[in-house]
Amino acid sequence: MITTQNPEVKNQINRRLSRIEGQLRGVQKMIDEDRDCRDIVQQLVAIRSAVQAASLSFMEDIASDCLMNPDTVDDPTAQRALMSDLIKLMGKVS
């Protein structure tokens, strides 16, 4: 299993996700208020960018943690398996 143990990273990601949640609620309100479609699309693009930035930041931390994990540092097979999983995940993020 790949997880992050860094509480600072968890807090940072949770703050980003809270902001994204607020942006999503704002878009819902814009739709309910029949706001201009261009403004709504602009906000949706901003949300997509924010989600991608949060994903990449999270992936960066996971990659660092995995490479420094004492359970895998001395096991090349385990390291290759983790790196393969990380590469697959990164492909889904981008």
PDB file of N, CA and C in Angstrom:
ATOM      1  N   MET A   1       0.841  -1.167   0.000  1.00  0.00           N
ATOM      2  CA  MET A   1       0.000   0.000   0.000  1.00  0.00           C
ATOM      3  C   MET A   1       0.895   1.241   0.000  1.00  0.00           C
ATOM      4  N   ILE A   2       0.472   2.256  -0.759  1.00  0.00           N
ATOM      5  CA  ILE A   2       1.212   3.507  -0.818  1.00  0.00           C
ATOM      6  C   ILE A   2       0.413   4.546  -0.041  1.00  0.00           C
ATOM      7  N   THR A   3       1.028   5.105   1.004  1.00  0.00           N
ATOM      8  CA  THR A   3       0.372   6.140   1.806  1.00  0.00           C
ATOM      9  C   THR A   3       1.376   7.234   2.118  1.00  0.00           C
ATOM     10  N   THR A   4       0.856   8.368   2.585  1.00  0.00           N
ATOM     11  CA  THR A   4       1.743   9.425   3.055  1.00  0.00           C
ATOM     12  C   THR A   4       1.650   9.481   4.571  1.00  0.00           C
ATOM     13  N   GLN A   5       2.779   9.581   5.210  1.00  0.00           N
ATOM     14  CA  GLN A   5       2.820   9.635   6.666  1.00  0.00           C
ATOM     15  C   GLN A   5       3.143  11.036   7.165  1.00  0.00           C
ATOM     16  N   ASN A   6       3.447  11.947   6.251  1.00  0.00           N
ATOM     17  CA  ASN A   6       3.877  13.287   6.613  1.00  0.00           C
ATOM     18  C   ASN A   6       2.665  14.145   6.983  1.00  0.00           C
ATOM     19  N   PRO A   7       2.512  14.508   8.268  1.00  0.00           N
ATOM     20  CA  PRO A   7       1.339  15.285   8.680  1.00  0.00           C
ATOM     21  C   PRO A   7       1.281  16.659   8.017  1.00  0.00           C
ATOM     22  N   GLU A   8       2.431  17.249   7.738  1.00  0.00           N
ATOM     23  CA  GLU A   8       2.449  18.553   7.078  1.00  0.00           C
ATOM     24  C   GLU A   8       1.856  18.448   5.669  1.00  0.00           C
ATOM     25  N   VAL A   9       2.213  17.402   4.968  1.00  0.00           N
ATOM     26  CA  VAL A   9       1.681  17.189   3.617  1.00  0.00           C
ATOM     27  C   VAL A   9       0.182  16.915   3.681  1.00  0.00           C
ATOM     28  N   LYS A  10      -0.239  16.103   4.643  1.00  0.00           N
ATOM     29  CA  LYS A  10      -1.667  15.829   4.793  1.00  0.00           C
ATOM     30  C   LYS A  10      -2.440  17.121   5.031  1.00  0.00           C
ATOM     31  N   ASN A  11      -1.925  17.980   5.906  1.00  0.00           N
ATOM     32  CA  ASN A  11      -2.597  19.255   6.179  1.00  0.00           C
ATOM     33  C   ASN A  11      -2.637  20.135   4.941  1.00  0.00           C
ATOM     34  N   GLN A  12      -1.525  20.185   4.216  1.00  0.00           N
ATOM     35  CA  GLN A  12      -1.460  21.002   3.004  1.00  0.00           C
ATOM     36  C   GLN A  12      -2.484  20.518   1.971  1.00  0.00           C
ATOM     37  N   ILE A  13      -2.539  19.230   1.752  1.00  0.00           N
ATOM     38  CA  ILE A  13      -3.484  18.670   0.788  1.00  0.00           C
ATOM     39  C   ILE A  13      -4.917  18.917   1.249  1.00  0.00           C
ATOM     40  N   ASN A  14      -5.189  18.725   2.533  1.00  0.00           N
ATOM     41  CA  ASN A  14      -6.542  18.965   3.041  1.00  0.00           C
ATOM     42  C   ASN A  14      -6.955  20.425   2.882  1.00  0.00           C
ATOM     43  N   ARG A  15      -6.011  21.359   3.092  1.00  0.00           N
ATOM     44  CA  ARG A  15      -6.328  22.780   2.875  1.00  0.00           C
ATOM     45  C   ARG A  15      -6.654  23.040   1.409  1.00  0.00           C
ATOM     46  N   ARG A  16      -5.858  22.466   0.522  1.00  0.00           N
ATOM     47  CA  ARG A  16      -6.117  22.629  -0.917  1.00  0.00           C
ATOM     48  C   ARG A  16      -7.488  22.065  -1.279  1.00  0.00           C
ATOM     49  N   LEU A  17      -7.792  20.888  -0.762  1.00  0.00           N
ATOM     50  CA  LEU A  17      -9.075  20.267  -1.070  1.00  0.00           C
ATOM     51  C   LEU A  17     -10.240  21.080  -0.516  1.00  0.00           C
ATOM     52  N   SER A  18     -10.058  21.700   0.633  1.00  0.00           N
ATOM     53  CA  SER A  18     -11.108  22.560   1.189  1.00  0.00           C
ATOM     54  C   SER A  18     -11.357  23.766   0.289  1.00  0.00           C
ATOM     55  N   ARG A  19     -10.262  24.352  -0.239  1.00  0.00           N
ATOM     56  CA  ARG A  19     -10.424  25.475  -1.170  1.00  0.00           C
ATOM     57  C   ARG A  19     -11.137  25.024  -2.444  1.00  0.00           C
ATOM     58  N   ILE A  20     -10.766  23.856  -2.936  1.00  0.00           N
ATOM     59  CA  ILE A  20     -11.407  23.321  -4.142  1.00  0.00           C
ATOM     60  C   ILE A  20     -12.891  23.075  -3.880  1.00  0.00           C
ATOM     61  N   GLU A  21     -13.190  22.547  -2.705  1.00  0.00           N
ATOM     62  CA  GLU A  21     -14.588  22.315  -2.333  1.00  0.00           C
ATOM     63  C   GLU A  21     -15.364  23.632  -2.350  1.00  0.00           C
ATOM     64  N   GLY A  22     -14.749  24.687  -1.833  1.00  0.00           N
ATOM     65  CA  GLY A  22     -15.383  26.004  -1.853  1.00  0.00           C
ATOM     66  C   GLY A  22     -15.590  26.506  -3.274  1.00  0.00           C
ATOM     67  N   GLN A  23     -14.606  26.266  -4.134  1.00  0.00           N
ATOM     68  CA  GLN A  23     -14.751  26.661  -5.537  1.00  0.00           C
ATOM     69  C   GLN A  23     -15.912  25.907  -6.192  1.00  0.00           C
ATOM     70  N   LEU A  24     -16.038  24.628  -5.901  1.00  0.00           N
ATOM     71  CA  LEU A  24     -17.132  23.837  -6.467  1.00  0.00           C
ATOM     72  C   LEU A  24     -18.490  24.359  -6.002  1.00  0.00           C
ATOM     73  N   ARG A  25     -18.577  24.690  -4.738  1.00  0.00           N
ATOM     74  CA  ARG A  25     -19.835  25.254  -4.227  1.00  0.00           C
ATOM     75  C   ARG A  25     -20.144  26.584  -4.907  1.00  0.00           C
ATOM     76  N   GLY A  26     -19.079  27.359  -5.152  1.00  0.00           N
ATOM     77  CA  GLY A  26     -19.262  28.625  -5.851  1.00  0.00           C
ATOM     78  C   GLY A  26     -19.804  28.421  -7.255  1.00  0.00           C
ATOM     79  N   VAL A  27     -19.318  27.408  -7.943  1.00  0.00           N
ATOM     80  CA  VAL A  27     -19.817  27.113  -9.292  1.00  0.00           C
ATOM     81  C   VAL A  27     -21.276  26.667  -9.229  1.00  0.00           C
ATOM     82  N   GLN A  28     -21.614  25.855  -8.244  1.00  0.00           N
ATOM     83  CA  GLN A  28     -23.013  25.447  -8.093  1.00  0.00           C
ATOM     84  C   GLN A  28     -23.909  26.676  -7.916  1.00  0.00           C
ATOM     85  N   LYS A  29     -23.455  27.610  -7.105  1.00  0.00           N
ATOM     86  CA  LYS A  29     -24.220  28.836  -6.872  1.00  0.00           C
ATOM     87  C   LYS A  29     -24.326  29.648  -8.163  1.00  0.00           C
ATOM     88  N   MET A  30     -23.225  29.720  -8.917  1.00  0.00           N
ATOM     89  CA  MET A  30     -23.242  30.450 -10.184  1.00  0.00           C
ATOM     90  C   MET A  30     -24.264  29.843 -11.147  1.00  0.00           C
ATOM     91  N   ILE A  31     -24.331  28.519 -11.185  1.00  0.00           N
ATOM     92  CA  ILE A  31     -25.296  27.842 -12.058  1.00  0.00           C
ATOM     93  C   ILE A  31     -26.715  28.136 -11.595  1.00  0.00           C
ATOM     94  N   ASP A  32     -26.957  28.044 -10.286  1.00  0.00           N
ATOM     95  CA  ASP A  32     -28.287  28.326  -9.742  1.00  0.00           C
ATOM     96  C   ASP A  32     -28.719  29.761 -10.023  1.00  0.00           C
ATOM     97  N   GLU A  33     -27.749  30.674 -10.066  1.00  0.00           N
ATOM     98  CA  GLU A  33     -28.048  32.090 -10.304  1.00  0.00           C
ATOM     99  C   GLU A  33     -28.034  32.449 -11.791  1.00  0.00           C
ATOM    100  N   ASP A  34     -27.924  31.430 -12.652  1.00  0.00           N
ATOM    101  CA  ASP A  34     -27.902  31.648 -14.107  1.00  0.00           C
ATOM    102  C   ASP A  34     -26.831  32.634 -14.535  1.00  0.00           C
ATOM    103  N   ARG A  35     -25.636  32.479 -13.982  1.00  0.00           N
ATOM    104  CA  ARG A  35     -24.519  33.351 -14.361  1.00  0.00           C
ATOM    105  C   ARG A  35     -24.037  33.015 -15.757  1.00  0.00           C
ATOM    106  N   ASP A  36     -23.260  33.918 -16.316  1.00  0.00           N
ATOM    107  CA  ASP A  36     -22.723  33.761 -17.664  1.00  0.00           C
ATOM    108  C   ASP A  36     -21.917  32.466 -17.768  1.00  0.00           C
ATOM    109  N   CYS A  37     -22.174  31.715 -18.831  1.00  0.00           N
ATOM    110  CA  CYS A  37     -21.503  30.420 -19.032  1.00  0.00           C
ATOM    111  C   CYS A  37     -19.992  30.562 -19.097  1.00  0.00           C
ATOM    112  N   ARG A  38     -19.501  31.658 -19.662  1.00  0.00           N
ATOM    113  CA  ARG A  38     -18.048  31.850 -19.760  1.00  0.00           C
ATOM    114  C   ARG A  38     -17.422  31.956 -18.376  1.00  0.00           C
ATOM    115  N   ASP A  39     -18.107  32.632 -17.468  1.00  0.00           N
ATOM    116  CA  ASP A  39     -17.597  32.745 -16.095  1.00  0.00           C
ATOM    117  C   ASP A  39     -17.576  31.384 -15.400  1.00  0.00           C
ATOM    118  N   ILE A  40     -18.611  30.599 -15.656  1.00  0.00           N
ATOM    119  CA  ILE A  40     -18.687  29.268 -15.049  1.00  0.00           C
ATOM    120  C   ILE A  40     -17.567  28.379 -15.580  1.00  0.00           C
ATOM    121  N   VAL A  41     -17.369  28.405 -16.895  1.00  0.00           N
ATOM    122  CA  VAL A  41     -16.303  27.588 -17.487  1.00  0.00           C
ATOM    123  C   VAL A  41     -14.946  28.026 -16.958  1.00  0.00           C
ATOM    124  N   GLN A  42     -14.752  29.327 -16.800  1.00  0.00           N
ATOM    125  CA  GLN A  42     -13.480  29.826 -16.266  1.00  0.00           C
ATOM    126  C   GLN A  42     -13.233  29.261 -14.868  1.00  0.00           C
ATOM    127  N   GLN A  43     -14.262  29.212 -14.057  1.00  0.00           N
ATOM    128  CA  GLN A  43     -14.119  28.655 -12.713  1.00  0.00           C
ATOM    129  C   GLN A  43     -13.854  27.149 -12.757  1.00  0.00           C
ATOM    130  N   LEU A  44     -14.507  26.457 -13.682  1.00  0.00           N
ATOM    131  CA  LEU A  44     -14.272  25.017 -13.815  1.00  0.00           C
ATOM    132  C   LEU A  44     -12.835  24.730 -14.241  1.00  0.00           C
ATOM    133  N   VAL A  45     -12.291  25.565 -15.115  1.00  0.00           N
ATOM    134  CA  VAL A  45     -10.890  25.407 -15.523  1.00  0.00           C
ATOM    135  C   VAL A  45      -9.970  25.637 -14.327  1.00  0.00           C
ATOM    136  N   ALA A  46     -10.291  26.636 -13.513  1.00  0.00           N
ATOM    137  CA  ALA A  46      -9.487  26.911 -12.315  1.00  0.00           C
ATOM    138  C   ALA A  46      -9.545  25.728 -11.347  1.00  0.00           C
ATOM    139  N   ILE A  47     -10.713  25.129 -11.212  1.00  0.00           N
ATOM    140  CA  ILE A  47     -10.866  23.965 -10.334  1.00  0.00           C
ATOM    141  C   ILE A  47     -10.035  22.798 -10.852  1.00  0.00           C
ATOM    142  N   ARG A  48     -10.087  22.567 -12.151  1.00  0.00           N
ATOM    143  CA  ARG A  48      -9.300  21.480 -12.734  1.00  0.00           C
ATOM    144  C   ARG A  48      -7.810  21.692 -12.470  1.00  0.00           C
ATOM    145  N   SER A  49      -7.351  22.927 -12.628  1.00  0.00           N
ATOM    146  CA  SER A  49      -5.939  23.236 -12.370  1.00  0.00           C
ATOM    147  C   SER A  49      -5.587  23.014 -10.904  1.00  0.00           C
ATOM    148  N   ALA A  50      -6.491  23.408 -10.017  1.00  0.00           N
ATOM    149  CA  ALA A  50      -6.246  23.236  -8.582  1.00  0.00           C
ATOM    150  C   ALA A  50      -6.185  21.758  -8.207  1.00  0.00           C
ATOM    151  N   VAL A  51      -7.065  20.957  -8.788  1.00  0.00           N
ATOM    152  CA  VAL A  51      -7.058  19.514  -8.516  1.00  0.00           C
ATOM    153  C   VAL A  51      -5.765  18.893  -9.034  1.00  0.00           C
ATOM    154  N   GLN A  52      -5.339  19.304 -10.218  1.00  0.00           N
ATOM    155  CA  GLN A  52      -4.103  18.756 -10.774  1.00  0.00           C
ATOM    156  C   GLN A  52      -2.899  19.144  -9.917  1.00  0.00           C
ATOM    157  N   ALA A  53      -2.859  20.396  -9.461  1.00  0.00           N
ATOM    158  CA  ALA A  53      -1.747  20.835  -8.612  1.00  0.00           C
ATOM    159  C   ALA A  53      -1.724  20.049  -7.300  1.00  0.00           C
ATOM    160  N   ALA A  54      -2.892  19.828  -6.705  1.00  0.00           N
ATOM    161  CA  ALA A  54      -2.964  19.050  -5.468  1.00  0.00           C
ATOM    162  C   ALA A  54      -2.512  17.611  -5.714  1.00  0.00           C
ATOM    163  N   SER A  55      -2.938  17.045  -6.826  1.00  0.00           N
ATOM    164  CA  SER A  55      -2.556  15.670  -7.160  1.00  0.00           C
ATOM    165  C   SER A  55      -1.050  15.542  -7.340  1.00  0.00           C
ATOM    166  N   LEU A  56      -0.461  16.468  -8.070  1.00  0.00           N
ATOM    167  CA  LEU A  56       0.982  16.410  -8.313  1.00  0.00           C
ATOM    168  C   LEU A  56       1.778  16.599  -7.026  1.00  0.00           C
ATOM    169  N   SER A  57       1.313  17.507  -6.173  1.00  0.00           N
ATOM    170  CA  SER A  57       1.989  17.724  -4.894  1.00  0.00           C
ATOM    171  C   SER A  57       1.940  16.454  -4.043  1.00  0.00           C
ATOM    172  N   PHE A  58       0.789  15.836  -4.012  1.00  0.00           N
ATOM    173  CA  PHE A  58       0.611  14.600  -3.257  1.00  0.00           C
ATOM    174  C   PHE A  58       1.496  13.490  -3.825  1.00  0.00           C
ATOM    175  N   MET A  59       1.525  13.371  -5.144  1.00  0.00           N
ATOM    176  CA  MET A  59       2.350  12.346  -5.791  1.00  0.00           C
ATOM    177  C   MET A  59       3.834  12.571  -5.514  1.00  0.00           C
ATOM    178  N   GLU A  60       4.251  13.819  -5.505  1.00  0.00           N
ATOM    179  CA  GLU A  60       5.654  14.136  -5.211  1.00  0.00           C
ATOM    180  C   GLU A  60       6.030  13.646  -3.814  1.00  0.00           C
ATOM    181  N   ASP A  61       5.145  13.898  -2.858  1.00  0.00           N
ATOM    182  CA  ASP A  61       5.414  13.452  -1.489  1.00  0.00           C
ATOM    183  C   ASP A  61       5.451  11.931  -1.407  1.00  0.00           C
ATOM    184  N   ILE A  62       4.510  11.290  -2.064  1.00  0.00           N
ATOM    185  CA  ILE A  62       4.472   9.829  -2.036  1.00  0.00           C
ATOM    186  C   ILE A  62       5.740   9.249  -2.650  1.00  0.00           C
ATOM    187  N   ALA A  63       6.176   9.819  -3.767  1.00  0.00           N
ATOM    188  CA  ALA A  63       7.393   9.325  -4.418  1.00  0.00           C
ATOM    189  C   ALA A  63       8.590   9.462  -3.484  1.00  0.00           C
ATOM    190  N   SER A  64       8.704  10.599  -2.818  1.00  0.00           N
ATOM    191  CA  SER A  64       9.813  10.806  -1.881  1.00  0.00           C
ATOM    192  C   SER A  64       9.751   9.811  -0.729  1.00  0.00           C
ATOM    193  N   ASP A  65       8.551   9.634  -0.168  1.00  0.00           N
ATOM    194  CA  ASP A  65       8.389   8.692   0.941  1.00  0.00           C
ATOM    195  C   ASP A  65       8.751   7.270   0.524  1.00  0.00           C
ATOM    196  N   CYS A  66       8.306   6.875  -0.654  1.00  0.00           N
ATOM    197  CA  CYS A  66       8.567   5.503  -1.116  1.00  0.00           C
ATOM    198  C   CYS A  66      10.046   5.262  -1.343  1.00  0.00           C
ATOM    199  N   LEU A  67      10.720   6.247  -1.888  1.00  0.00           N
ATOM    200  CA  LEU A  67      12.142   6.071  -2.151  1.00  0.00           C
ATOM    201  C   LEU A  67      12.956   6.008  -0.867  1.00  0.00           C
ATOM    202  N   MET A  68      12.451   6.621   0.193  1.00  0.00           N
ATOM    203  CA  MET A  68      13.168   6.645   1.465  1.00  0.00           C
ATOM    204  C   MET A  68      12.647   5.597   2.448  1.00  0.00           C
ATOM    205  N   ASN A  69      11.655   4.827   2.063  1.00  0.00           N
ATOM    206  CA  ASN A  69      11.044   3.838   2.934  1.00  0.00           C
ATOM    207  C   ASN A  69      12.061   2.750   3.294  1.00  0.00           C
ATOM    208  N   PRO A  70      12.345   2.572   4.587  1.00  0.00           N
ATOM    209  CA  PRO A  70      13.336   1.570   4.993  1.00  0.00           C
ATOM    210  C   PRO A  70      12.964   0.150   4.577  1.00  0.00           C
ATOM    211  N   ASP A  71      11.678  -0.113   4.356  1.00  0.00           N
ATOM    212  CA  ASP A  71      11.266  -1.455   3.941  1.00  0.00           C
ATOM    213  C   ASP A  71      11.653  -1.761   2.497  1.00  0.00           C
ATOM    214  N   THR A  72      11.871  -0.714   1.696  1.00  0.00           N
ATOM    215  CA  THR A  72      12.164  -0.949   0.279  1.00  0.00           C
ATOM    216  C   THR A  72      13.561  -0.525  -0.142  1.00  0.00           C
ATOM    217  N   VAL A  73      14.243   0.286   0.675  1.00  0.00           N
ATOM    218  CA  VAL A  73      15.552   0.806   0.280  1.00  0.00           C
ATOM    219  C   VAL A  73      16.519  -0.318  -0.062  1.00  0.00           C
ATOM    220  N   ASP A  74      16.518  -1.381   0.708  1.00  0.00           N
ATOM    221  CA  ASP A  74      17.457  -2.482   0.493  1.00  0.00           C
ATOM    222  C   ASP A  74      16.880  -3.614  -0.357  1.00  0.00           C
ATOM    223  N   ASP A  75      15.684  -3.406  -0.898  1.00  0.00           N
ATOM    224  CA  ASP A  75      15.039  -4.449  -1.698  1.00  0.00           C
ATOM    225  C   ASP A  75      14.730  -3.908  -3.093  1.00  0.00           C
ATOM    226  N   PRO A  76      15.624  -4.144  -4.051  1.00  0.00           N
ATOM    227  CA  PRO A  76      15.437  -3.608  -5.402  1.00  0.00           C
ATOM    228  C   PRO A  76      14.124  -4.046  -6.054  1.00  0.00           C
ATOM    229  N   THR A  77      13.687  -5.257  -5.774  1.00  0.00           N
ATOM    230  CA  THR A  77      12.436  -5.738  -6.358  1.00  0.00           C
ATOM    231  C   THR A  77      11.255  -4.935  -5.834  1.00  0.00           C
ATOM    232  N   ALA A  78      11.245  -4.690  -4.529  1.00  0.00           N
ATOM    233  CA  ALA A  78      10.175  -3.891  -3.931  1.00  0.00           C
ATOM    234  C   ALA A  78      10.219  -2.458  -4.450  1.00  0.00           C
ATOM    235  N   GLN A  79      11.420  -1.901  -4.600  1.00  0.00           N
ATOM    236  CA  GLN A  79      11.548  -0.541  -5.128  1.00  0.00           C
ATOM    237  C   GLN A  79      11.009  -0.462  -6.550  1.00  0.00           C
ATOM    238  N   ARG A  80      11.343  -1.429  -7.384  1.00  0.00           N
ATOM    239  CA  ARG A  80      10.850  -1.429  -8.764  1.00  0.00           C
ATOM    240  C   ARG A  80       9.325  -1.521  -8.794  1.00  0.00           C
ATOM    241  N   ALA A  81       8.761  -2.353  -7.937  1.00  0.00           N
ATOM    242  CA  ALA A  81       7.305  -2.498  -7.888  1.00  0.00           C
ATOM    243  C   ALA A  81       6.649  -1.184  -7.474  1.00  0.00           C
ATOM    244  N   LEU A  82       7.213  -0.527  -6.447  1.00  0.00           N
ATOM    245  CA  LEU A  82       6.670   0.759  -6.014  1.00  0.00           C
ATOM    246  C   LEU A  82       6.792   1.809  -7.105  1.00  0.00           C
ATOM    247  N   MET A  83       7.940   1.866  -7.755  1.00  0.00           N
ATOM    248  CA  MET A  83       8.134   2.845  -8.823  1.00  0.00           C
ATOM    249  C   MET A  83       7.166   2.586  -9.970  1.00  0.00           C
ATOM    250  N   SER A  84       6.932   1.344 -10.290  1.00  0.00           N
ATOM    251  CA  SER A  84       5.973   0.998 -11.341  1.00  0.00           C
ATOM    252  C   SER A  84       4.577   1.492 -10.970  1.00  0.00           C
ATOM    253  N   ASP A  85       4.176   1.264  -9.722  1.00  0.00           N
ATOM    254  CA  ASP A  85       2.872   1.744  -9.250  1.00  0.00           C
ATOM    255  C   ASP A  85       2.792   3.263  -9.317  1.00  0.00           C
ATOM    256  N   LEU A  86       3.863   3.933  -8.888  1.00  0.00           N
ATOM    257  CA  LEU A  86       3.877   5.396  -8.909  1.00  0.00           C
ATOM    258  C   LEU A  86       3.788   5.936 -10.331  1.00  0.00           C
ATOM    259  N   ILE A  87       4.492   5.323 -11.246  1.00  0.00           N
ATOM    260  CA  ILE A  87       4.454   5.775 -12.639  1.00  0.00           C
ATOM    261  C   ILE A  87       3.044   5.613 -13.209  1.00  0.00           C
ATOM    262  N   LYS A  88       2.395   4.512 -12.894  1.00  0.00           N
ATOM    263  CA  LYS A  88       1.013   4.309 -13.348  1.00  0.00           C
ATOM    264  C   LYS A  88       0.097   5.387 -12.773  1.00  0.00           C
ATOM    265  N   LEU A  89       0.266   5.686 -11.484  1.00  0.00           N
ATOM    266  CA  LEU A  89      -0.553   6.725 -10.861  1.00  0.00           C
ATOM    267  C   LEU A  89      -0.289   8.090 -11.479  1.00  0.00           C
ATOM    268  N   MET A  90       0.970   8.402 -11.734  1.00  0.00           N
ATOM    269  CA  MET A  90       1.312   9.691 -12.334  1.00  0.00           C
ATOM    270  C   MET A  90       0.703   9.820 -13.729  1.00  0.00           C
ATOM    271  N   GLY A  91       0.652   8.718 -14.456  1.00  0.00           N
ATOM    272  CA  GLY A  91       0.019   8.739 -15.770  1.00  0.00           C
ATOM    273  C   GLY A  91      -1.454   9.084 -15.689  1.00  0.00           C
ATOM    274  N   LYS A  92      -2.100   8.667 -14.631  1.00  0.00           N
ATOM    275  CA  LYS A  92      -3.518   8.978 -14.447  1.00  0.00           C
ATOM    276  C   LYS A  92      -3.729  10.430 -14.042  1.00  0.00           C
ATOM    277  N   VAL A  93      -2.751  11.006 -13.350  1.00  0.00           N
ATOM    278  CA  VAL A  93      -2.862  12.388 -12.873  1.00  0.00           C
ATOM    279  C   VAL A  93      -2.695  13.377 -14.011  1.00  0.00           C
ATOM    280  N   SER A  94      -1.766  13.092 -14.916  1.00  0.00           N
ATOM    281  CA  SER A  94      -1.482  14.073 -15.968  1.00  0.00           C
ATOM    282  C   SER A  94      -2.436  14.013 -17.128  1.00  0.00           C
TER     283      SER A  94
END
